[in-house]
C-alpha atoms as a PDB file:
ATOM      1  CA  MET A   1       0.119   0.327   0.065  1.00  0.00           C
ATOM      2  CA  LYS A   2       2.744   2.422   0.990  1.00  0.00           C
ATOM      3  CA  SER A   3       4.732   2.072  -2.132  1.00  0.00           C
ATOM      4  CA  ASN A   4       0.956   1.923  -4.067  1.00  0.00           C
ATOM      5  CA  ARG A   5       0.365   5.707  -2.491  1.00  0.00           C
ATOM      6  CA  LYS A   6       4.110   6.840  -3.285  1.00  0.00           C
ATOM      7  CA  MET A   7       4.033   5.991  -6.987  1.00  0.00           C
ATOM      8  CA  ILE A   8       0.362   7.393  -6.913  1.00  0.00           C
ATOM      9  CA  SER A   9       1.906  10.519  -5.920  1.00  0.00           C
ATOM     10  CA  ALA A  10       4.945  10.703  -7.799  1.00  0.00           C
ATOM     11  CA  LEU A  11       2.433  10.092 -11.046  1.00  0.00           C
ATOM     12  CA  PHE A  12       0.445  13.208 -10.219  1.00  0.00           C
ATOM     13  CA  MET A  13       3.749  15.357  -9.723  1.00  0.00           C
ATOM     14  CA  ILE A  14       4.693  15.094 -13.328  1.00  0.00           C
ATOM     15  CA  GLY A  15       2.124  15.261 -14.502  1.00  0.00           C
ATOM     16  CA  LEU A  16       0.617  17.242 -13.922  1.00  0.00           C
ATOM     17  CA  THR A  17       2.914  19.779 -10.790  1.00  0.00           C
ATOM     18  CA  LEU A  18       5.200  20.820 -13.808  1.00  0.00           C
ATOM     19  CA  PHE A  19       5.006  19.727 -17.439  1.00  0.00           C
ATOM     20  CA  ILE A  20       6.504  20.037 -21.090  1.00  0.00           C
ATOM     21  CA  ILE A  21       3.922  21.921 -23.065  1.00  0.00           C
ATOM     22  CA  SER A  22       4.878  20.848 -26.779  1.00  0.00           C
ATOM     23  CA  ASN A  23       3.640  20.477 -30.262  1.00  0.00           C
ATOM     24  CA  PHE A  24       5.912  17.721 -31.266  1.00  0.00           C
ATOM     25  CA  ILE A  25       7.240  17.983 -34.879  1.00  0.00           C
ATOM     26  CA  ASP A  26       8.336  16.012 -38.353  1.00  0.00           C
ATOM     27  CA  GLN A  27      11.095  13.639 -36.988  1.00  0.00           C
ATOM     28  CA  SER A  28      12.034  12.301 -39.889  1.00  0.00           C
ATOM     29  CA  GLU A  29      15.996  13.371 -39.340  1.00  0.00           C
ATOM     30  CA  GLY A  30      15.903  12.108 -35.555  1.00  0.00           C
ATOM     31  CA  GLU A  31      14.087   9.575 -33.357  1.00  0.00           C
ATOM     32  CA  TRP A  32      12.066  10.936 -29.725  1.00  0.00           C
ATOM     33  CA  VAL A  33      12.975   8.484 -26.713  1.00  0.00           C
ATOM     34  CA  GLU A  34      11.627   8.150 -23.891  1.00  0.00           C
ATOM     35  CA  LYS A  35      12.303   6.202 -20.820  1.00  0.00           C
ATOM     36  CA  ASN A  36      10.430   5.922 -17.071  1.00  0.00           C
ATOM     37  CA  GLU A  37      11.793   5.579 -14.309  1.00  0.00           C
ATOM     38  CA  PHE A  38      11.456   5.349 -10.491  1.00  0.00           C
ATOM     39  CA  VAL A  39      14.089   6.621  -8.482  1.00  0.00           C
ATOM     40  CA  LEU A  40      14.943   9.551  -5.814  1.00  0.00           C
ATOM     41  CA  GLY A  41      11.441   8.942  -4.390  1.00  0.00           C
ATOM     42  CA  THR A  42       9.385   9.734  -7.202  1.00  0.00           C
ATOM     43  CA  PHE A  43       8.382   9.328 -11.035  1.00  0.00           C
ATOM     44  CA  SER A  44      11.777  10.403 -13.335  1.00  0.00           C
ATOM     45  CA  GLN A  45      11.065  10.977 -17.128  1.00  0.00           C
ATOM     46  CA  ILE A  46      14.196  11.405 -19.443  1.00  0.00           C
ATOM     47  CA  ARG A  47      13.053  12.072 -23.072  1.00  0.00           C
ATOM     48  CA  VAL A  48      15.551  13.231 -25.806  1.00  0.00           C
ATOM     49  CA  TYR A  49      15.907  13.596 -29.298  1.00  0.00           C
ATOM     50  CA  ALA A  50      18.726  11.232 -30.903  1.00  0.00           C
ATOM     51  CA  PRO A  51      19.823   9.935 -34.107  1.00  0.00           C
ATOM     52  CA  THR A  52      17.984   6.334 -33.965  1.00  0.00           C
ATOM     53  CA  GLU A  53      16.247   4.881 -30.591  1.00  0.00           C
ATOM     54  CA  ALA A  54      19.310   3.323 -29.299  1.00  0.00           C
ATOM     55  CA  ASP A  55      21.635   5.847 -29.496  1.00  0.00           C
ATOM     56  CA  GLY A  56      18.648   7.446 -27.423  1.00  0.00           C
ATOM     57  CA  GLU A  57      18.438   4.213 -25.155  1.00  0.00           C
ATOM     58  CA  ALA A  58      21.603   4.066 -24.505  1.00  0.00           C
ATOM     59  CA  ILE A  59      22.239   7.528 -23.635  1.00  0.00           C
ATOM     60  CA  ILE A  60      18.963   7.611 -21.532  1.00  0.00           C
ATOM     61  CA  ARG A  61      20.225   4.286 -19.295  1.00  0.00           C
ATOM     62  CA  LYS A  62      24.073   6.501 -18.417  1.00  0.00           C
ATOM     63  CA  ALA A  63      21.623   9.230 -17.306  1.00  0.00           C
ATOM     64  CA  PHE A  64      19.802   6.750 -15.600  1.00  0.00           C
ATOM     65  CA  ASP A  65      22.533   4.526 -14.137  1.00  0.00           C
ATOM     66  CA  ARG A  66      24.209   8.101 -12.541  1.00  0.00           C
ATOM     67  CA  VAL A  67      21.366   9.188 -10.968  1.00  0.00           C
ATOM     68  CA  HIS A  68      20.359   6.278  -9.122  1.00  0.00           C
ATOM     69  CA  GLU A  69      24.386   6.086  -8.169  1.00  0.00           C
ATOM     70  CA  ILE A  70      23.875   9.179  -6.682  1.00  0.00           C
ATOM     71  CA  GLU A  71      20.586   8.502  -5.149  1.00  0.00           C
ATOM     72  CA  LYS A  72      22.211   5.397  -3.143  1.00  0.00           C
ATOM     73  CA  ARG A  73      25.444   7.871  -2.025  1.00  0.00           C
ATOM     74  CA  MET A  74      23.436  10.780  -0.603  1.00  0.00           C
ATOM     75  CA  SER A  75      19.610   9.638   0.162  1.00  0.00           C
ATOM     76  CA  PRO A  76      19.075   9.275   4.119  1.00  0.00           C
ATOM     77  CA  ASN A  77      17.143   6.524   3.957  1.00  0.00           C
ATOM     78  CA  ILE A  78      18.984   4.402   2.404  1.00  0.00           C
ATOM     79  CA  GLU A  79      20.871   2.665   4.500  1.00  0.00           C
ATOM     80  CA  ASN A  80      24.543   2.835   4.527  1.00  0.00           C
ATOM     81  CA  SER A  81      24.638   5.288   2.148  1.00  0.00           C
ATOM     82  CA  GLN A  82      27.172   7.993   2.444  1.00  0.00           C
ATOM     83  CA  VAL A  83      24.670  10.805   4.204  1.00  0.00           C
ATOM     84  CA  HIS A  84      22.931   7.768   6.421  1.00  0.00           C
ATOM     85  CA  GLN A  85      26.265   7.029   7.425  1.00  0.00           C
ATOM     86  CA  ILE A  86      27.520  10.588   8.394  1.00  0.00           C
ATOM     87  CA  ASN A  87      24.153  11.198  10.885  1.00  0.00           C
ATOM     88  CA  HIS A  88      23.986   7.490  12.230  1.00  0.00           C
ATOM     89  CA  LEU A  89      28.088   8.104  13.649  1.00  0.00           C
ATOM     90  CA  ALA A  90      27.123  12.492  14.366  1.00  0.00           C
ATOM     91  CA  ASN A  91      29.404  13.648  16.985  1.00  0.00           C
ATOM     92  CA  GLU A  92      31.165  10.014  17.242  1.00  0.00           C
ATOM     93  CA  ALA A  93      33.976  10.078  13.572  1.00  0.00           C
ATOM     94  CA  PHE A  94      33.927  11.649   9.737  1.00  0.00           C
ATOM     95  CA  THR A  95      32.620   9.636   7.704  1.00  0.00           C
ATOM     96  CA  GLU A  96      34.566   9.575   4.479  1.00  0.00           C
ATOM     97  CA  VAL A  97      32.549  10.282   1.449  1.00  0.00           C
ATOM     98  CA  THR A  98      32.619  10.803  -2.606  1.00  0.00           C
ATOM     99  CA  GLU A  99      33.697  13.748  -4.115  1.00  0.00           C
ATOM    100  CA  ASP A 100      29.982  14.315  -5.782  1.00  0.00           C
ATOM    101  CA  THR A 101      28.430  13.829  -1.788  1.00  0.00           C
ATOM    102  CA  LEU A 102      31.269  16.481  -0.757  1.00  0.00           C
ATOM    103  CA  GLU A 103      30.616  18.707  -3.164  1.00  0.00           C
ATOM    104  CA  VAL A 104      26.740  18.964  -3.104  1.00  0.00           C
ATOM    105  CA  ILE A 105      26.835  19.506   0.923  1.00  0.00           C
ATOM    106  CA  GLN A 106      30.088  21.991   0.452  1.00  0.00           C
ATOM    107  CA  THR A 107      26.920  23.691  -2.041  1.00  0.00           C
ATOM    108  CA  GLY A 108      24.363  23.208   0.490  1.00  0.00           C
ATOM    109  CA  ILE A 109      26.894  25.433   2.905  1.00  0.00           C
ATOM    110  CA  ASP A 110      27.127  28.058   0.391  1.00  0.00           C
ATOM    111  CA  TYR A 111      23.635  28.162  -0.106  1.00  0.00           C
ATOM    112  CA  TYR A 112      22.569  28.763   3.520  1.00  0.00           C
ATOM    113  CA  GLU A 113      25.079  32.127   3.457  1.00  0.00           C
ATOM    114  CA  LEU A 114      23.881  32.815  -0.029  1.00  0.00           C
ATOM    115  CA  THR A 115      19.548  32.928   1.474  1.00  0.00           C
ATOM    116  CA  ASP A 116      20.440  34.181   4.887  1.00  0.00           C
ATOM    117  CA  GLY A 117      20.086  30.520   6.669  1.00  0.00           C
ATOM    118  CA  LEU A 118      16.720  29.729   4.907  1.00  0.00           C
ATOM    119  CA  PHE A 119      17.746  27.015   3.036  1.00  0.00           C
ATOM    120  CA  HIS A 120      19.788  24.717   5.379  1.00  0.00           C
ATOM    121  CA  ILE A 121      20.797  20.584   4.646  1.00  0.00           C
ATOM    122  CA  GLY A 122      20.569  20.243   8.376  1.00  0.00           C
ATOM    123  CA  LEU A 123      16.460  19.535   9.420  1.00  0.00           C
ATOM    124  CA  GLY A 124      16.876  16.139   8.941  1.00  0.00           C
ATOM    125  CA  SER A 125      15.911  15.906  11.902  1.00  0.00           C
ATOM    126  CA  LEU A 126      13.142  18.328  12.025  1.00  0.00           C
ATOM    127  CA  ILE A 127      11.652  16.439   8.348  1.00  0.00           C
ATOM    128  CA  ASN A 128      12.087  13.265   9.984  1.00  0.00           C
ATOM    129  CA  ILE A 129      10.075  14.349  12.788  1.00  0.00           C
ATOM    130  CA  TRP A 130       7.501  15.615  11.490  1.00  0.00           C
ATOM    131  CA  GLY A 131       7.297  12.509   9.183  1.00  0.00           C
ATOM    132  CA  ILE A 132       4.988  14.569   6.019  1.00  0.00           C
ATOM    133  CA  GLY A 133       5.090  12.232   2.728  1.00  0.00           C
ATOM    134  CA  THR A 134       5.177   9.001   5.560  1.00  0.00           C
ATOM    135  CA  GLU A 135       2.707   6.708   6.316  1.00  0.00           C
ATOM    136  CA  GLU A 136       2.940   8.398  10.575  1.00  0.00           C
ATOM    137  CA  PRO A 137       3.085  12.038  10.113  1.00  0.00           C
ATOM    138  CA  TYR A 138       2.564  13.715  13.567  1.00  0.00           C
ATOM    139  CA  VAL A 139       2.660  17.535  14.573  1.00  0.00           C
ATOM    140  CA  PRO A 140       5.483  17.221  17.080  1.00  0.00           C
ATOM    141  CA  LYS A 141       5.254  19.780  20.727  1.00  0.00           C
ATOM    142  CA  GLN A 142       6.682  22.689  20.531  1.00  0.00           C
ATOM    143  CA  SER A 143       9.457  21.625  22.808  1.00  0.00           C
ATOM    144  CA  GLU A 144      10.520  19.154  20.809  1.00  0.00           C
ATOM    145  CA  ILE A 145      10.476  20.866  18.051  1.00  0.00           C
ATOM    146  CA  ASP A 146      12.826  23.155  20.884  1.00  0.00           C
ATOM    147  CA  LYS A 147      15.212  20.920  21.024  1.00  0.00           C
ATOM    148  CA  LEU A 148      15.810  20.348  17.072  1.00  0.00           C
ATOM    149  CA  LEU A 149      16.010  24.108  16.701  1.00  0.00           C
ATOM    150  CA  GLU A 150      19.248  23.872  19.547  1.00  0.00           C
ATOM    151  CA  ALA A 151      21.057  21.390  17.509  1.00  0.00           C
ATOM    152  CA  LEU A 152      20.443  23.498  14.210  1.00  0.00           C
ATOM    153  CA  ASP A 153      24.061  24.984  13.424  1.00  0.00           C
ATOM    154  CA  ILE A 154      25.293  24.905   9.836  1.00  0.00           C
ATOM    155  CA  ASN A 155      28.848  25.590  11.480  1.00  0.00           C
ATOM    156  CA  ALA A 156      28.270  22.362  12.897  1.00  0.00           C
ATOM    157  CA  ILE A 157      28.924  20.347   9.847  1.00  0.00           C
ATOM    158  CA  LEU A 158      32.708  19.647  10.518  1.00  0.00           C
ATOM    159  CA  ILE A 159      34.402  19.095   7.035  1.00  0.00           C
ATOM    160  CA  GLU A 160      38.369  17.773   6.762  1.00  0.00           C
ATOM    161  CA  ASN A 161      39.839  16.330   3.900  1.00  0.00           C
ATOM    162  CA  SER A 162      36.810  14.139   2.145  1.00  0.00           C
ATOM    163  CA  SER A 163      35.521  13.081   5.626  1.00  0.00           C
ATOM    164  CA  VAL A 164      32.490  14.767   7.128  1.00  0.00           C
ATOM    165  CA  MET A 165      30.907  14.364  10.961  1.00  0.00           C
ATOM    166  CA  ILE A 166      28.189  16.280  12.099  1.00  0.00           C
ATOM    167  CA  GLN A 167      29.332  18.063  15.542  1.00  0.00           C
ATOM    168  CA  ASN A 168      25.254  16.805  17.496  1.00  0.00           C
ATOM    169  CA  LYS A 169      23.540  13.981  17.584  1.00  0.00           C
ATOM    170  CA  ASP A 170      20.237  15.886  17.737  1.00  0.00           C
ATOM    171  CA  MET A 171      21.225  17.404  14.152  1.00  0.00           C
ATOM    172  CA  ALA A 172      20.821  15.196  10.787  1.00  0.00           C
ATOM    173  CA  LEU A 173      21.149  16.130   7.235  1.00  0.00           C
ATOM    174  CA  ASP A 174      18.918  15.992   4.431  1.00  0.00           C
ATOM    175  CA  LEU A 175      19.905  16.533   0.772  1.00  0.00           C
ATOM    176  CA  GLY A 176      16.453  15.618  -0.373  1.00  0.00           C
ATOM    177  CA  GLY A 177      16.284  19.846  -1.153  1.00  0.00           C
ATOM    178  CA  ILE A 178      19.352  20.067  -3.052  1.00  0.00           C
ATOM    179  CA  ALA A 179      20.161  16.138  -4.506  1.00  0.00           C
ATOM    180  CA  LYS A 180      17.681  16.264  -7.314  1.00  0.00           C
ATOM    181  CA  GLY A 181      18.925  19.149  -8.499  1.00  0.00           C
ATOM    182  CA  TYR A 182      22.072  17.661  -8.675  1.00  0.00           C
ATOM    183  CA  ALA A 183      20.757  14.851 -10.782  1.00  0.00           C
ATOM    184  CA  VAL A 184      19.251  17.412 -12.923  1.00  0.00           C
ATOM    185  CA  ASP A 185      21.759  19.052 -13.671  1.00  0.00           C
ATOM    186  CA  GLU A 186      24.058  15.778 -13.844  1.00  0.00           C
ATOM    187  CA  SER A 187      21.933  14.075 -16.276  1.00  0.00           C
ATOM    188  CA  VAL A 188      21.886  17.256 -18.686  1.00  0.00           C
ATOM    189  CA  ARG A 189      25.934  17.264 -18.558  1.00  0.00           C
ATOM    190  CA  ILE A 190      25.681  13.381 -19.986  1.00  0.00           C
ATOM    191  CA  LEU A 191      23.366  13.965 -22.679  1.00  0.00           C
ATOM    192  CA  LYS A 192      25.074  17.167 -23.743  1.00  0.00           C
ATOM    193  CA  GLU A 193      28.590  14.917 -24.184  1.00  0.00           C
ATOM    194  CA  GLU A 194      26.469  12.338 -26.187  1.00  0.00           C
ATOM    195  CA  GLY A 195      25.502  14.889 -28.446  1.00  0.00           C
ATOM    196  CA  ILE A 196      21.825  15.412 -27.937  1.00  0.00           C
ATOM    197  CA  GLN A 197      21.152  18.554 -28.436  1.00  0.00           C
ATOM    198  CA  SER A 198      17.348  18.538 -27.738  1.00  0.00           C
ATOM    199  CA  GLY A 199      15.068  17.081 -25.120  1.00  0.00           C
ATOM    200  CA  PHE A 200      14.117  17.757 -21.636  1.00  0.00           C
ATOM    201  CA  ILE A 201      14.249  16.266 -17.485  1.00  0.00           C
ATOM    202  CA  ASN A 202      11.454  15.955 -15.891  1.00  0.00           C
ATOM    203  CA  PHE A 203      12.109  14.578 -12.511  1.00  0.00           C
ATOM    204  CA  GLY A 204       9.084  14.739 -10.606  1.00  0.00           C
ATOM    205  CA  GLY A 205       8.568  18.094 -11.024  1.00  0.00           C
ATOM    206  CA  ASP A 206      12.327  19.881 -11.610  1.00  0.00           C
ATOM    207  CA  VAL A 207      12.398  20.007 -14.878  1.00  0.00           C
ATOM    208  CA  TYR A 208      15.222  20.840 -17.674  1.00  0.00           C
ATOM    209  CA  ALA A 209      14.139  21.705 -21.620  1.00  0.00           C
ATOM    210  CA  LEU A 210      17.610  21.062 -22.699  1.00  0.00           C
ATOM    211  CA  GLY A 211      18.493  22.824 -26.144  1.00  0.00           C
ATOM    212  CA  LYS A 212      15.569  24.513 -28.492  1.00  0.00           C
ATOM    213  CA  LYS A 213      12.972  22.070 -30.181  1.00  0.00           C
ATOM    214  CA  PRO A 214      13.992  20.619 -32.909  1.00  0.00           C
ATOM    215  CA  ASP A 215      12.194  22.845 -35.275  1.00  0.00           C
ATOM    216  CA  LYS A 216      14.591  25.944 -33.290  1.00  0.00           C
ATOM    217  CA  THR A 217      11.507  26.602 -31.254  1.00  0.00           C
ATOM    218  CA  PRO A 218      11.612  27.294 -27.508  1.00  0.00           C
ATOM    219  CA  TRP A 219      10.180  24.690 -25.081  1.00  0.00           C
ATOM    220  CA  ASN A 220       6.484  26.039 -23.509  1.00  0.00           C
ATOM    221  CA  VAL A 221       7.125  25.131 -19.584  1.00  0.00           C
ATOM    222  CA  GLY A 222       3.383  24.741 -18.280  1.00  0.00           C
ATOM    223  CA  ILE A 223       3.510  25.281 -14.339  1.00  0.00           C
ATOM    224  CA  ARG A 224       0.634  23.839 -12.345  1.00  0.00           C
ATOM    225  CA  GLU A 225      -2.005  26.153 -10.030  1.00  0.00           C
ATOM    226  CA  PRO A 226      -1.135  25.936  -6.551  1.00  0.00           C
ATOM    227  CA  ILE A 227      -4.170  23.856  -5.404  1.00  0.00           C
ATOM    228  CA  ILE A 228      -4.304  20.759  -3.604  1.00  0.00           C
ATOM    229  CA  GLU A 229      -5.583  18.210  -5.928  1.00  0.00           C
ATOM    230  CA  SER A 230      -6.205  20.445  -8.379  1.00  0.00           C
ATOM    231  CA  GLY A 231      -4.858  19.431 -12.070  1.00  0.00           C
ATOM    232  CA  GLY A 232      -5.355  23.266 -13.846  1.00  0.00           C
ATOM    233  CA  LEU A 233      -3.042  25.546 -15.264  1.00  0.00           C
ATOM    234  CA  LEU A 234      -1.619  28.478 -13.725  1.00  0.00           C
ATOM    235  CA  GLY A 235       0.711  29.256 -17.267  1.00  0.00           C
ATOM    236  CA  ARG A 236       3.796  29.075 -18.564  1.00  0.00           C
ATOM    237  CA  VAL A 237       7.279  29.594 -19.854  1.00  0.00           C
ATOM    238  CA  PRO A 238       9.403  29.350 -22.394  1.00  0.00           C
ATOM    239  CA  ALA A 239      12.628  27.859 -22.043  1.00  0.00           C
ATOM    240  CA  ASP A 240      15.877  26.966 -24.033  1.00  0.00           C
ATOM    241  CA  ASN A 241      19.002  25.353 -21.771  1.00  0.00           C
ATOM    242  CA  LEU A 242      17.408  26.158 -18.542  1.00  0.00           C
ATOM    243  CA  SER A 243      15.385  25.080 -15.431  1.00  0.00           C
ATOM    244  CA  VAL A 244      12.039  25.879 -14.199  1.00  0.00           C
ATOM    245  CA  VAL A 245      11.531  24.382 -10.375  1.00  0.00           C
ATOM    246  CA  THR A 246       8.296  25.076  -8.297  1.00  0.00           C
ATOM    247  CA  SER A 247       7.529  24.716  -4.597  1.00  0.00           C
ATOM    248  CA  GLY A 248       4.789  25.101  -2.880  1.00  0.00           C
ATOM    249  CA  ASP A 249       1.970  24.162   0.079  1.00  0.00           C
ATOM    250  CA  TYR A 250       0.035  21.506  -2.180  1.00  0.00           C
ATOM    251  CA  GLU A 251       3.147  19.528  -2.849  1.00  0.00           C
ATOM    252  CA  ARG A 252       3.194  17.004  -0.068  1.00  0.00           C
ATOM    253  CA  TYR A 253       1.232  18.016   2.927  1.00  0.00           C
ATOM    254  CA  PHE A 254      -1.179  15.800   5.196  1.00  0.00           C
ATOM    255  CA  ILE A 255      -4.250  17.450   6.846  1.00  0.00           C
ATOM    256  CA  GLU A 256      -4.902  17.363  11.606  1.00  0.00           C
ATOM    257  CA  ASP A 257      -7.696  18.833  13.001  1.00  0.00           C
ATOM    258  CA  ASP A 258      -9.068  21.044   9.291  1.00  0.00           C
ATOM    259  CA  THR A 259      -5.290  22.090   9.686  1.00  0.00           C
ATOM    260  CA  ILE A 260      -3.156  21.339   6.536  1.00  0.00           C
ATOM    261  CA  PHE A 261       0.756  20.826   7.193  1.00  0.00           C
ATOM    262  CA  HIS A 262       2.956  21.150   4.252  1.00  0.00           C
ATOM    263  CA  HIS A 263       6.524  20.266   3.692  1.00  0.00           C
ATOM    264  CA  ILE A 264       8.791  23.383   2.977  1.00  0.00           C
ATOM    265  CA  ILE A 265       9.973  23.843   6.727  1.00  0.00           C
ATOM    266  CA  ASP A 266      11.206  26.778   7.641  1.00  0.00           C
ATOM    267  CA  PRO A 267      14.341  26.725   9.582  1.00  0.00           C
ATOM    268  CA  ARG A 268      13.923  29.166  12.143  1.00  0.00           C
ATOM    269  CA  THR A 269      10.891  27.722  13.723  1.00  0.00           C
ATOM    270  CA  GLY A 270      11.054  24.424  12.888  1.00  0.00           C
ATOM    271  CA  PHE A 271       7.216  24.703  11.060  1.00  0.00           C
ATOM    272  CA  PRO A 272       5.708  24.129   7.811  1.00  0.00           C
ATOM    273  CA  SER A 273       6.899  27.596   6.658  1.00  0.00           C
ATOM    274  CA  GLU A 274       3.285  30.636   7.119  1.00  0.00           C
ATOM    275  CA  SER A 275       4.702  32.845   4.414  1.00  0.00           C
ATOM    276  CA  ASP A 276       1.864  34.681   2.588  1.00  0.00           C
ATOM    277  CA  LEU A 277       2.489  32.559  -1.063  1.00  0.00           C
ATOM    278  CA  LYS A 278       1.166  29.643  -2.635  1.00  0.00           C
ATOM    279  CA  SER A 279       3.985  28.725  -4.941  1.00  0.00           C
ATOM    280  CA  VAL A 280       7.204  30.478  -6.159  1.00  0.00           C
ATOM    281  CA  THR A 281       8.421  28.495  -9.470  1.00  0.00           C
ATOM    282  CA  VAL A 282      11.929  29.735 -10.558  1.00  0.00           C
ATOM    283  CA  ILE A 283      13.791  29.610 -13.982  1.00  0.00           C
ATOM    284  CA  SER A 284      17.568  29.305 -14.143  1.00  0.00           C
ATOM    285  CA  GLU A 285      20.135  28.159 -15.693  1.00  0.00           C
ATOM    286  CA  THR A 286      20.667  24.951 -13.285  1.00  0.00           C
ATOM    287  CA  SER A 287      18.293  22.639 -11.392  1.00  0.00           C
ATOM    288  CA  MET A 288      20.068  22.887  -8.487  1.00  0.00           C
ATOM    289  CA  ASP A 289      19.519  26.758  -8.306  1.00  0.00           C
ATOM    290  CA  GLY A 290      16.034  26.352  -9.011  1.00  0.00           C
ATOM    291  CA  ASP A 291      15.905  24.041  -6.185  1.00  0.00           C
ATOM    292  CA  VAL A 292      17.574  26.153  -3.583  1.00  0.00           C
ATOM    293  CA  TYR A 293      15.970  28.805  -4.574  1.00  0.00           C
ATOM    294  CA  SER A 294      12.484  28.147  -4.800  1.00  0.00           C
ATOM    295  CA  THR A 295      12.379  27.045  -1.513  1.00  0.00           C
ATOM    296  CA  ALA A 296      13.936  29.731   0.407  1.00  0.00           C
ATOM    297  CA  LEU A 297      12.110  31.866  -1.894  1.00  0.00           C
ATOM    298  CA  PHE A 298       8.724  30.031  -1.129  1.00  0.00           C
ATOM    299  CA  ILE A 299      10.143  30.494   3.063  1.00  0.00           C
ATOM    300  CA  MET A 300      10.214  34.651   2.419  1.00  0.00           C
ATOM    301  CA  GLU A 301       7.338  36.825   2.458  1.00  0.00           C
ATOM    302  CA  LEU A 302       6.565  38.467  -0.622  1.00  0.00           C
ATOM    303  CA  SER A 303       7.549  41.775  -0.700  1.00  0.00           C
ATOM    304  CA  GLN A 304      11.090  40.351   0.764  1.00  0.00           C
ATOM    305  CA  GLY A 305      11.873  37.577  -1.988  1.00  0.00           C
ATOM    306  CA  LEU A 306      10.760  39.465  -4.610  1.00  0.00           C
ATOM    307  CA  SER A 307      13.812  42.231  -3.600  1.00  0.00           C
ATOM    308  CA  PHE A 308      15.702  38.853  -3.090  1.00  0.00           C
ATOM    309  CA  VAL A 309      15.707  37.097  -6.300  1.00  0.00           C
ATOM    310  CA  GLU A 310      16.447  40.701  -8.254  1.00  0.00           C
ATOM    311  CA  SER A 311      20.086  40.488  -6.569  1.00  0.00           C
ATOM    312  CA  VAL A 312      20.960  36.993  -7.954  1.00  0.00           C
ATOM    313  CA  PRO A 313      22.385  36.672 -10.985  1.00  0.00           C
ATOM    314  CA  GLY A 314      20.740  34.351 -13.848  1.00  0.00           C
ATOM    315  CA  VAL A 315      17.351  33.652 -12.197  1.00  0.00           C
ATOM    316  CA  GLU A 316      14.178  35.035 -12.405  1.00  0.00           C
ATOM    317  CA  ALA A 317      10.753  34.197 -10.493  1.00  0.00           C
ATOM    318  CA  VAL A 318       6.640  33.449 -10.403  1.00  0.00           C
ATOM    319  CA  PHE A 319       4.946  34.184  -7.257  1.00  0.00           C
ATOM    320  CA  VAL A 320       1.648  33.295  -6.707  1.00  0.00           C
ATOM    321  CA  ASN A 321       0.125  34.343  -2.863  1.00  0.00           C
ATOM    322  CA  HIS A 322      -2.837  33.266  -1.267  1.00  0.00           C
ATOM    323  CA  LYS A 323      -5.196  35.570  -2.963  1.00  0.00           C
ATOM    324  CA  LYS A 324      -4.170  34.114  -6.467  1.00  0.00           C
ATOM    325  CA  GLU A 325      -2.489  37.427  -7.325  1.00  0.00           C
ATOM    326  CA  ILE A 326       0.740  36.957  -9.145  1.00  0.00           C
ATOM    327  CA  TYR A 327       3.684  38.580  -9.293  1.00  0.00           C
ATOM    328  CA  LEU A 328       6.859  38.239 -12.358  1.00  0.00           C
ATOM    329  CA  SER A 329      10.508  39.011 -11.118  1.00  0.00           C
ATOM    330  CA  SER A 330      12.042  42.286 -13.567  1.00  0.00           C
ATOM    331  CA  GLY A 331      12.777  39.308 -16.673  1.00  0.00           C
ATOM    332  CA  LEU A 332       9.796  37.829 -17.543  1.00  0.00           C
ATOM    333  CA  LYS A 333       7.729  40.732 -17.697  1.00  0.00           C
ATOM    334  CA  ASN A 334       8.523  40.958 -21.426  1.00  0.00           C
ATOM    335  CA  GLY A 335       7.298  37.631 -22.438  1.00  0.00           C
ATOM    336  CA  GLY A 336       8.796  35.210 -19.941  1.00  0.00           C
ATOM    337  CA  PHE A 337       5.497  33.894 -18.552  1.00  0.00           C
ATOM    338  CA  GLU A 338       2.068  33.882 -20.220  1.00  0.00           C
ATOM    339  CA  LEU A 339      -0.721  33.736 -17.939  1.00  0.00           C
ATOM    340  CA  MET A 340      -3.957  31.181 -18.601  1.00  0.00           C
ATOM    341  CA  ASN A 341      -5.922  30.990 -15.735  1.00  0.00           C
ATOM    342  CA  GLU A 342      -8.739  33.933 -16.139  1.00  0.00           C
ATOM    343  CA  ASP A 343      -8.972  32.840 -11.533  1.00  0.00           C
ATOM    344  CA  TYR A 344      -5.744  34.354 -11.185  1.00  0.00           C
ATOM    345  CA  THR A 345      -4.851  37.792 -11.798  1.00  0.00           C
ATOM    346  CA  LEU A 346      -1.522  39.040 -12.410  1.00  0.00           C
ATOM    347  CA  ILE A 347       0.218  42.076 -11.046  1.00  0.00           C
ATOM    348  CA  ASP A 348       2.941  44.577 -12.922  1.00  0.00           C
END
């Protein structure tokens, strides 16, 4: 039952949360090849325009093999993964990690500084106690939250050469907010190295549009309406070698006593974020940027988020608040976003 529910949720995410809108064109010069796998806890899809079907299948297989490798190293839920070992040996011993795991951890620490602490890779203990997305979600007592917040210190993540240790047993790493973006970026790297010039990747809503469509027009990436169980479309953005990632309060949640508890934890409070936003979509050159900034911008209030995104080169964003108002960063205001839902208002 648990795995079935996860699969249904993942299919819903990839099918509705953020999807490619495209009119496919004449395929006489190549073949569209598509493969789907359940990895990184979500339904994942890679589609490429390749010289032959066999070429496409081999290239996609290489990309997915790399994604599975990343998952086995960085998932906190896989026993004996590098991150699992770091958490298990917290305040006891260093764990030697591979170059890619070290890179993601160090990058996560760097993003903490860039987002004024709103993106935090040390939220593992808080994520675990809430259990959002599991069979047994739980609303913690304030005293339980306070204990974990006291341990939430980015400086407790120690790195010595290629080894990592957390200096507090009440804190744990969870790279879920960045590792999926890293996996998308690695897949893009492999596709490009193998000569793929057109295609897209969708890992549970983390989308990367590779190149243009074969007819030389940009992809159009649709953004889902940020309403629980809605399949409606909010709008779309043109994309060419760009990542499009959305964070929202409708993605993973549970309801208790008529209160919705979503999965985006505010590291300042230990509770799901209570900002004035329903969703934030980030358009950027890398999916790691998209993962991190969509999370941080969602936790910020709208006014702070609008100001913040203007200070980050190469990053644009679509903000949706609880009043069904849409706000765009400056780079999207002249044709960078098309509204496709009359229930929402685009604010200049």
